[in-house]
Amino acid sequence: MRIKKSYEVHLAPNEIIGHFGQVRLVKKGNGKHELVGGTVNAQAAVRTWCGLYASFIIFAEPTGHELALAA
């Protein structure tokens, strides 16, 4: 009889750090942060705010969908 090894992957849930109007600042399970919702201009304003007052925040790389919205 063969015993199969079972591995469970536990990903930490996303945690909402703050709301900036329609934009939510979310900390992902991998420790990086992401902006969800709002317009491109609103997200740019939040990134500027984070750069001034919360410089410890590291943003995840934008996905292809987010890059298409910015164009």
PDB file of N, CA and C in Angstrom:
ATOM      1  N   MET A   1       0.837  -1.159   0.000  1.00  0.00           N
ATOM      2  CA  MET A   1       0.000   0.000   0.000  1.00  0.00           C
ATOM      3  C   MET A   1       0.896   1.241   0.000  1.00  0.00           C
ATOM      4  N   ARG A   2       0.533   2.216  -0.804  1.00  0.00           N
ATOM      5  CA  ARG A   2       1.309   3.433  -0.930  1.00  0.00           C
ATOM      6  C   ARG A   2       0.638   4.559  -0.137  1.00  0.00           C
ATOM      7  N   ILE A   3       1.410   5.260   0.653  1.00  0.00           N
ATOM      8  CA  ILE A   3       0.881   6.364   1.443  1.00  0.00           C
ATOM      9  C   ILE A   3       1.215   7.658   0.719  1.00  0.00           C
ATOM     10  N   LYS A   4       0.194   8.440   0.457  1.00  0.00           N
ATOM     11  CA  LYS A   4       0.388   9.726  -0.197  1.00  0.00           C
ATOM     12  C   LYS A   4       0.626  10.789   0.851  1.00  0.00           C
ATOM     13  N   LYS A   5       1.583  11.622   0.588  1.00  0.00           N
ATOM     14  CA  LYS A   5       1.861  12.717   1.505  1.00  0.00           C
ATOM     15  C   LYS A   5       0.903  13.864   1.196  1.00  0.00           C
ATOM     16  N   SER A   6       0.412  14.440   2.224  1.00  0.00           N
ATOM     17  CA  SER A   6      -0.531  15.540   2.076  1.00  0.00           C
ATOM     18  C   SER A   6       0.084  16.803   2.661  1.00  0.00           C
ATOM     19  N   TYR A   7       0.087  17.840   1.881  1.00  0.00           N
ATOM     20  CA  TYR A   7       0.595  19.126   2.332  1.00  0.00           C
ATOM     21  C   TYR A   7      -0.520  20.151   2.209  1.00  0.00           C
ATOM     22  N   GLU A   8      -0.734  20.885   3.257  1.00  0.00           N
ATOM     23  CA  GLU A   8      -1.721  21.946   3.230  1.00  0.00           C
ATOM     24  C   GLU A   8      -0.998  23.280   3.172  1.00  0.00           C
ATOM     25  N   VAL A   9      -1.472  24.124   2.318  1.00  0.00           N
ATOM     26  CA  VAL A   9      -0.897  25.457   2.204  1.00  0.00           C
ATOM     27  C   VAL A   9      -1.856  26.417   2.890  1.00  0.00           C
ATOM     28  N   HIS A  10      -1.356  27.103   3.883  1.00  0.00           N
ATOM     29  CA  HIS A  10      -2.177  28.073   4.607  1.00  0.00           C
ATOM     30  C   HIS A  10      -1.743  29.467   4.183  1.00  0.00           C
ATOM     31  N   LEU A  11      -2.597  30.129   3.443  1.00  0.00           N
ATOM     32  CA  LEU A  11      -2.320  31.497   3.042  1.00  0.00           C
ATOM     33  C   LEU A  11      -3.028  32.441   3.999  1.00  0.00           C
ATOM     34  N   ALA A  12      -2.327  33.437   4.424  1.00  0.00           N
ATOM     35  CA  ALA A  12      -2.939  34.416   5.307  1.00  0.00           C
ATOM     36  C   ALA A  12      -3.974  35.211   4.511  1.00  0.00           C
ATOM     37  N   PRO A  13      -5.098  35.498   5.120  1.00  0.00           N
ATOM     38  CA  PRO A  13      -6.116  36.269   4.404  1.00  0.00           C
ATOM     39  C   PRO A  13      -5.662  37.708   4.191  1.00  0.00           C
ATOM     40  N   ASN A  14      -6.275  38.345   3.228  1.00  0.00           N
ATOM     41  CA  ASN A  14      -5.975  39.751   2.995  1.00  0.00           C
ATOM     42  C   ASN A  14      -6.565  40.577   4.133  1.00  0.00           C
ATOM     43  N   GLU A  15      -5.827  41.604   4.534  1.00  0.00           N
ATOM     44  CA  GLU A  15      -6.243  42.453   5.643  1.00  0.00           C
ATOM     45  C   GLU A  15      -6.395  43.879   5.138  1.00  0.00           C
ATOM     46  N   ILE A  16      -7.560  44.469   5.358  1.00  0.00           N
ATOM     47  CA  ILE A  16      -7.790  45.850   4.931  1.00  0.00           C
ATOM     48  C   ILE A  16      -7.127  46.772   5.950  1.00  0.00           C
ATOM     49  N   ILE A  17      -6.178  47.569   5.472  1.00  0.00           N
ATOM     50  CA  ILE A  17      -5.427  48.479   6.329  1.00  0.00           C
ATOM     51  C   ILE A  17      -6.158  49.807   6.468  1.00  0.00           C
ATOM     52  N   GLY A  18      -6.718  50.313   5.368  1.00  0.00           N
ATOM     53  CA  GLY A  18      -7.405  51.600   5.440  1.00  0.00           C
ATOM     54  C   GLY A  18      -8.261  51.858   4.216  1.00  0.00           C
ATOM     55  N   HIS A  19      -9.175  52.817   4.365  1.00  0.00           N
ATOM     56  CA  HIS A  19     -10.044  53.261   3.277  1.00  0.00           C
ATOM     57  C   HIS A  19      -9.696  54.702   2.945  1.00  0.00           C
ATOM     58  N   PHE A  20      -9.595  54.983   1.675  1.00  0.00           N
ATOM     59  CA  PHE A  20      -9.370  56.344   1.198  1.00  0.00           C
ATOM     60  C   PHE A  20     -10.448  56.620   0.157  1.00  0.00           C
ATOM     61  N   GLY A  21     -11.622  57.013   0.581  1.00  0.00           N
ATOM     62  CA  GLY A  21     -12.740  57.168  -0.347  1.00  0.00           C
ATOM     63  C   GLY A  21     -13.141  55.798  -0.867  1.00  0.00           C
ATOM     64  N   GLN A  22     -13.075  55.601  -2.171  1.00  0.00           N
ATOM     65  CA  GLN A  22     -13.417  54.317  -2.783  1.00  0.00           C
ATOM     66  C   GLN A  22     -12.226  53.370  -2.863  1.00  0.00           C
ATOM     67  N   VAL A  23     -11.040  53.840  -2.514  1.00  0.00           N
ATOM     68  CA  VAL A  23      -9.822  53.033  -2.606  1.00  0.00           C
ATOM     69  C   VAL A  23      -9.563  52.358  -1.264  1.00  0.00           C
ATOM     70  N   ARG A  24      -9.305  51.057  -1.318  1.00  0.00           N
ATOM     71  CA  ARG A  24      -8.961  50.307  -0.105  1.00  0.00           C
ATOM     72  C   ARG A  24      -7.495  49.902  -0.185  1.00  0.00           C
ATOM     73  N   LEU A  25      -6.780  50.098   0.911  1.00  0.00           N
ATOM     74  CA  LEU A  25      -5.393  49.659   1.025  1.00  0.00           C
ATOM     75  C   LEU A  25      -5.414  48.301   1.709  1.00  0.00           C
ATOM     76  N   VAL A  26      -4.972  47.268   0.990  1.00  0.00           N
ATOM     77  CA  VAL A  26      -5.077  45.890   1.464  1.00  0.00           C
ATOM     78  C   VAL A  26      -3.679  45.303   1.611  1.00  0.00           C
ATOM     79  N   LYS A  27      -3.437  44.656   2.759  1.00  0.00           N
ATOM     80  CA  LYS A  27      -2.185  43.927   2.954  1.00  0.00           C
ATOM     81  C   LYS A  27      -2.444  42.480   2.562  1.00  0.00           C
ATOM     82  N   LYS A  28      -1.681  42.002   1.579  1.00  0.00           N
ATOM     83  CA  LYS A  28      -1.858  40.648   1.077  1.00  0.00           C
ATOM     84  C   LYS A  28      -1.134  39.651   1.984  1.00  0.00           C
ATOM     85  N   GLY A  29      -1.420  38.383   1.773  1.00  0.00           N
ATOM     86  CA  GLY A  29      -0.829  37.333   2.579  1.00  0.00           C
ATOM     87  C   GLY A  29       0.683  37.255   2.471  1.00  0.00           C
ATOM     88  N   ASN A  30       1.243  37.740   1.363  1.00  0.00           N
ATOM     89  CA  ASN A  30       2.694  37.674   1.181  1.00  0.00           C
ATOM     90  C   ASN A  30       3.425  38.878   1.776  1.00  0.00           C
ATOM     91  N   GLY A  31       2.684  39.767   2.457  1.00  0.00           N
ATOM     92  CA  GLY A  31       3.302  40.913   3.111  1.00  0.00           C
ATOM     93  C   GLY A  31       3.327  42.177   2.278  1.00  0.00           C
ATOM     94  N   LYS A  32       2.992  42.082   1.013  1.00  0.00           N
ATOM     95  CA  LYS A  32       2.963  43.271   0.169  1.00  0.00           C
ATOM     96  C   LYS A  32       1.569  43.888   0.226  1.00  0.00           C
ATOM     97  N   HIS A  33       1.467  45.118  -0.229  1.00  0.00           N
ATOM     98  CA  HIS A  33       0.220  45.857  -0.166  1.00  0.00           C
ATOM     99  C   HIS A  33      -0.324  46.090  -1.567  1.00  0.00           C
ATOM    100  N   GLU A  34      -1.628  46.306  -1.636  1.00  0.00           N
ATOM    101  CA  GLU A  34      -2.297  46.491  -2.920  1.00  0.00           C
ATOM    102  C   GLU A  34      -3.416  47.505  -2.739  1.00  0.00           C
ATOM    103  N   LEU A  35      -3.650  48.312  -3.770  1.00  0.00           N
ATOM    104  CA  LEU A  35      -4.765  49.241  -3.769  1.00  0.00           C
ATOM    105  C   LEU A  35      -5.902  48.632  -4.577  1.00  0.00           C
ATOM    106  N   VAL A  36      -7.098  48.629  -4.000  1.00  0.00           N
ATOM    107  CA  VAL A  36      -8.249  48.008  -4.640  1.00  0.00           C
ATOM    108  C   VAL A  36      -9.353  49.044  -4.758  1.00  0.00           C
ATOM    109  N   GLY A  37      -9.947  49.147  -5.959  1.00  0.00           N
ATOM    110  CA  GLY A  37     -11.076  50.040  -6.177  1.00  0.00           C
ATOM    111  C   GLY A  37     -10.640  51.457  -6.499  1.00  0.00           C
ATOM    112  N   GLY A  38     -11.627  52.286  -6.772  1.00  0.00           N
ATOM    113  CA  GLY A  38     -11.360  53.692  -7.068  1.00  0.00           C
ATOM    114  C   GLY A  38     -10.836  53.904  -8.477  1.00  0.00           C
ATOM    115  N   THR A  39     -10.594  55.150  -8.790  1.00  0.00           N
ATOM    116  CA  THR A  39     -10.074  55.506 -10.111  1.00  0.00           C
ATOM    117  C   THR A  39      -8.550  55.483 -10.093  1.00  0.00           C
ATOM    118  N   VAL A  40      -7.978  55.580 -11.258  1.00  0.00           N
ATOM    119  CA  VAL A  40      -6.515  55.596 -11.369  1.00  0.00           C
ATOM    120  C   VAL A  40      -5.956  56.821 -10.654  1.00  0.00           C
ATOM    121  N   ASN A  41      -6.631  57.968 -10.791  1.00  0.00           N
ATOM    122  CA  ASN A  41      -6.166  59.185 -10.131  1.00  0.00           C
ATOM    123  C   ASN A  41      -6.263  59.070  -8.611  1.00  0.00           C
ATOM    124  N   ALA A  42      -7.327  58.447  -8.118  1.00  0.00           N
ATOM    125  CA  ALA A  42      -7.486  58.261  -6.670  1.00  0.00           C
ATOM    126  C   ALA A  42      -6.396  57.331  -6.136  1.00  0.00           C
ATOM    127  N   GLN A  43      -6.085  56.283  -6.878  1.00  0.00           N
ATOM    128  CA  GLN A  43      -5.028  55.373  -6.455  1.00  0.00           C
ATOM    129  C   GLN A  43      -3.670  56.071  -6.457  1.00  0.00           C
ATOM    130  N   ALA A  44      -3.449  56.950  -7.436  1.00  0.00           N
ATOM    131  CA  ALA A  44      -2.190  57.703  -7.481  1.00  0.00           C
ATOM    132  C   ALA A  44      -2.073  58.623  -6.265  1.00  0.00           C
ATOM    133  N   ALA A  45      -3.188  59.216  -5.853  1.00  0.00           N
ATOM    134  CA  ALA A  45      -3.172  60.078  -4.677  1.00  0.00           C
ATOM    135  C   ALA A  45      -2.853  59.276  -3.413  1.00  0.00           C
ATOM    136  N   VAL A  46      -3.395  58.072  -3.316  1.00  0.00           N
ATOM    137  CA  VAL A  46      -3.116  57.225  -2.151  1.00  0.00           C
ATOM    138  C   VAL A  46      -1.653  56.791  -2.154  1.00  0.00           C
ATOM    139  N   ARG A  47      -1.102  56.459  -3.328  1.00  0.00           N
ATOM    140  CA  ARG A  47       0.319  56.100  -3.404  1.00  0.00           C
ATOM    141  C   ARG A  47       1.201  57.268  -2.967  1.00  0.00           C
ATOM    142  N   THR A  48       0.814  58.474  -3.341  1.00  0.00           N
ATOM    143  CA  THR A  48       1.557  59.662  -2.923  1.00  0.00           C
ATOM    144  C   THR A  48       1.493  59.828  -1.412  1.00  0.00           C
ATOM    145  N   TRP A  49       0.289  59.661  -0.845  1.00  0.00           N
ATOM    146  CA  TRP A  49       0.124  59.762   0.608  1.00  0.00           C
ATOM    147  C   TRP A  49       0.993  58.725   1.317  1.00  0.00           C
ATOM    148  N   CYS A  50       0.976  57.493   0.805  1.00  0.00           N
ATOM    149  CA  CYS A  50       1.779  56.427   1.420  1.00  0.00           C
ATOM    150  C   CYS A  50       3.267  56.742   1.327  1.00  0.00           C
ATOM    151  N   GLY A  51       3.672  57.339   0.227  1.00  0.00           N
ATOM    152  CA  GLY A  51       5.077  57.713   0.080  1.00  0.00           C
ATOM    153  C   GLY A  51       5.509  58.759   1.095  1.00  0.00           C
ATOM    154  N   LEU A  52       4.594  59.652   1.465  1.00  0.00           N
ATOM    155  CA  LEU A  52       4.917  60.700   2.424  1.00  0.00           C
ATOM    156  C   LEU A  52       4.805  60.239   3.872  1.00  0.00           C
ATOM    157  N   TYR A  53       3.754  59.485   4.184  1.00  0.00           N
ATOM    158  CA  TYR A  53       3.443  59.188   5.583  1.00  0.00           C
ATOM    159  C   TYR A  53       3.600  57.733   5.985  1.00  0.00           C
ATOM    160  N   ALA A  54       3.690  56.833   5.028  1.00  0.00           N
ATOM    161  CA  ALA A  54       3.817  55.405   5.357  1.00  0.00           C
ATOM    162  C   ALA A  54       4.817  54.767   4.408  1.00  0.00           C
ATOM    163  N   SER A  55       6.056  55.232   4.480  1.00  0.00           N
ATOM    164  CA  SER A  55       7.069  54.799   3.518  1.00  0.00           C
ATOM    165  C   SER A  55       7.473  53.336   3.690  1.00  0.00           C
ATOM    166  N   PHE A  56       7.041  52.687   4.769  1.00  0.00           N
ATOM    167  CA  PHE A  56       7.353  51.278   4.987  1.00  0.00           C
ATOM    168  C   PHE A  56       6.492  50.360   4.127  1.00  0.00           C
ATOM    169  N   ILE A  57       5.448  50.892   3.497  1.00  0.00           N
ATOM    170  CA  ILE A  57       4.550  50.070   2.685  1.00  0.00           C
ATOM    171  C   ILE A  57       5.212  49.729   1.356  1.00  0.00           C
ATOM    172  N   ILE A  58       5.202  48.443   1.018  1.00  0.00           N
ATOM    173  CA  ILE A  58       5.735  47.957  -0.253  1.00  0.00           C
ATOM    174  C   ILE A  58       4.560  47.476  -1.081  1.00  0.00           C
ATOM    175  N   PHE A  59       4.363  48.077  -2.241  1.00  0.00           N
ATOM    176  CA  PHE A  59       3.248  47.703  -3.092  1.00  0.00           C
ATOM    177  C   PHE A  59       3.618  46.529  -3.983  1.00  0.00           C
ATOM    178  N   ALA A  60       2.644  45.659  -4.218  1.00  0.00           N
ATOM    179  CA  ALA A  60       2.815  44.552  -5.157  1.00  0.00           C
ATOM    180  C   ALA A  60       2.911  45.133  -6.559  1.00  0.00           C
ATOM    181  N   GLU A  61       3.548  44.414  -7.447  1.00  0.00           N
ATOM    182  CA  GLU A  61       3.643  44.860  -8.840  1.00  0.00           C
ATOM    183  C   GLU A  61       2.246  44.912  -9.449  1.00  0.00           C
ATOM    184  N   PRO A  62       1.943  45.948 -10.239  1.00  0.00           N
ATOM    185  CA  PRO A  62       0.621  46.018 -10.858  1.00  0.00           C
ATOM    186  C   PRO A  62       0.413  44.879 -11.851  1.00  0.00           C
ATOM    187  N   THR A  63      -0.802  44.381 -11.895  1.00  0.00           N
ATOM    188  CA  THR A  63      -1.132  43.296 -12.818  1.00  0.00           C
ATOM    189  C   THR A  63      -1.387  43.870 -14.199  1.00  0.00           C
ATOM    190  N   GLY A  64      -1.538  43.019 -15.179  1.00  0.00           N
ATOM    191  CA  GLY A  64      -1.820  43.456 -16.543  1.00  0.00           C
ATOM    192  C   GLY A  64      -3.121  44.226 -16.633  1.00  0.00           C
ATOM    193  N   HIS A  65      -4.115  43.821 -15.814  1.00  0.00           N
ATOM    194  CA  HIS A  65      -5.404  44.500 -15.810  1.00  0.00           C
ATOM    195  C   HIS A  65      -5.255  45.941 -15.318  1.00  0.00           C
ATOM    196  N   GLU A  66      -4.469  46.133 -14.264  1.00  0.00           N
ATOM    197  CA  GLU A  66      -4.257  47.475 -13.731  1.00  0.00           C
ATOM    198  C   GLU A  66      -3.476  48.337 -14.714  1.00  0.00           C
ATOM    199  N   LEU A  67      -2.542  47.733 -15.428  1.00  0.00           N
ATOM    200  CA  LEU A  67      -1.783  48.496 -16.420  1.00  0.00           C
ATOM    201  C   LEU A  67      -2.658  48.910 -17.576  1.00  0.00           C
ATOM    202  N   ALA A  68      -3.615  48.056 -17.963  1.00  0.00           N
ATOM    203  CA  ALA A  68      -4.527  48.393 -19.057  1.00  0.00           C
ATOM    204  C   ALA A  68      -5.441  49.542 -18.651  1.00  0.00           C
ATOM    205  N   LEU A  69      -5.840  49.594 -17.391  1.00  0.00           N
ATOM    206  CA  LEU A  69      -6.702  50.687 -16.924  1.00  0.00           C
ATOM    207  C   LEU A  69      -5.956  52.007 -16.936  1.00  0.00           C
ATOM    208  N   ALA A  70      -4.670  51.990 -16.652  1.00  0.00           N
ATOM    209  CA  ALA A  70      -3.882  53.215 -16.589  1.00  0.00           C
ATOM    210  C   ALA A  70      -3.613  53.805 -17.974  1.00  0.00           C
ATOM    211  N   ALA A  71      -3.674  52.972 -19.001  1.00  0.00           N
ATOM    212  CA  ALA A  71      -3.361  53.446 -20.367  1.00  0.00           C
ATOM    213  C   ALA A  71      -4.489  54.225 -20.986  1.00  0.00           C
TER     214      ALA A  71
END
